[in-house]
Amino acid sequence: MSKPNFDAMSEAELRAYVIAQQDDQEAFYAFVDRLKAKPPSAVYPASMTPEEIHQAILMHVQQKQKTQDA
C-alpha cells in the first residue's frame, strides 16, 4: 500500500486523514508542519472598544486586499 501525498491534500483533507489514521506519525508531522507554516493569528486586547474593533477589522481587510492585488 502506497503512502498518500500529503502535500497534495488540502488542510481539511489532511486533518481528516490524521484523525482517521492516528498511528501514522508521518501524516501527523506533515499536518503540524503545515499548521506551523501558517502566519500567526492576530490577538487583540479584551479592553478594545467597539470602535477600535471596527477599525482593526477594516485595517485587516485592507491589508488582505493589498496582498491579493499584488
Protein backbone atom coordinates (compact mmCIF):
# COMPACT_ATOMS: atom_id res chain seq x y z
CA MET A 1 0.00 0.00 0.00
CA SER A 2 1.48 3.36 -1.01
CA LYS A 3 1.60 6.44 1.18
CA PRO A 4 -0.72 9.29 0.25
CA ASN A 5 0.77 12.55 -1.00
CA PHE A 6 0.25 14.85 1.99
CA ASP A 7 1.41 17.91 0.04
CA ALA A 8 -1.39 17.40 -2.48
CA MET A 9 -4.06 17.24 0.24
CA SER A 10 -5.95 20.29 1.41
CA GLU A 11 -5.64 21.17 5.08
CA ALA A 12 -9.12 19.75 5.73
CA GLU A 13 -8.29 16.50 3.91
CA LEU A 14 -5.01 16.11 5.78
CA ARG A 15 -6.72 16.79 9.11
CA ALA A 16 -9.37 14.16 8.35
CA TYR A 17 -6.66 11.68 7.34
CA VAL A 18 -4.72 12.29 10.57
CA ILE A 19 -7.88 11.76 12.63
CA ALA A 20 -8.70 8.56 10.76
CA GLN A 21 -5.11 7.23 10.78
CA GLN A 22 -3.97 8.12 14.29
CA ASP A 23 -0.96 5.79 14.14
CA ASP A 24 0.51 7.49 11.06
CA GLN A 25 3.21 9.71 12.56
CA GLU A 26 4.38 10.93 9.16
CA ALA A 27 0.89 12.30 8.44
CA PHE A 28 0.73 13.90 11.88
CA TYR A 29 4.08 15.65 11.41
CA ALA A 30 3.04 16.81 7.92
CA PHE A 31 -0.12 18.30 9.43
CA VAL A 32 1.75 20.03 12.25
CA ASP A 33 4.34 21.39 9.81
CA ARG A 34 1.55 22.83 7.69
CA LEU A 35 -0.06 24.47 10.72
CA LYS A 36 3.26 25.96 11.83
CA ALA A 37 3.83 27.41 8.35
CA LYS A 38 0.65 29.49 8.58
CA PRO A 39 1.04 33.10 9.71
CA PRO A 40 0.14 33.68 13.35
CA SER A 41 -3.34 34.91 14.20
CA ALA A 42 -3.79 38.46 15.40
CA VAL A 43 -4.53 38.86 19.09
CA TYR A 44 -6.47 41.87 20.29
CA PRO A 45 -6.90 43.01 23.90
CA ALA A 46 -10.29 42.46 25.52
CA SER A 47 -10.35 46.11 26.52
CA MET A 48 -10.88 47.30 22.92
CA THR A 49 -13.94 49.44 22.33
CA PRO A 50 -16.38 48.54 19.55
CA GLU A 51 -14.98 51.43 17.50
CA GLU A 52 -11.42 50.12 17.91
CA ILE A 53 -12.55 46.63 16.92
CA HIS A 54 -14.27 48.03 13.84
CA GLN A 55 -11.12 49.96 12.90
CA ALA A 56 -8.93 46.87 13.39
CA ILE A 57 -11.23 44.81 11.16
CA LEU A 58 -11.16 47.48 8.44
CA MET A 59 -7.36 47.60 8.56
CA HIS A 60 -7.17 43.81 8.33
CA VAL A 61 -9.48 43.74 5.30
CA GLN A 62 -7.47 46.48 3.60
CA GLN A 63 -4.21 44.60 4.17
CA LYS A 64 -5.76 41.41 2.73
CA GLN A 65 -6.93 43.32 -0.33
CA LYS A 66 -3.46 44.81 -0.86
CA THR A 67 -1.80 41.38 -0.75
CA GLN A 68 -4.37 39.93 -3.17
CA ASP A 69 -3.88 42.81 -5.60
CA ALA A 70 -0.09 42.49 -5.55
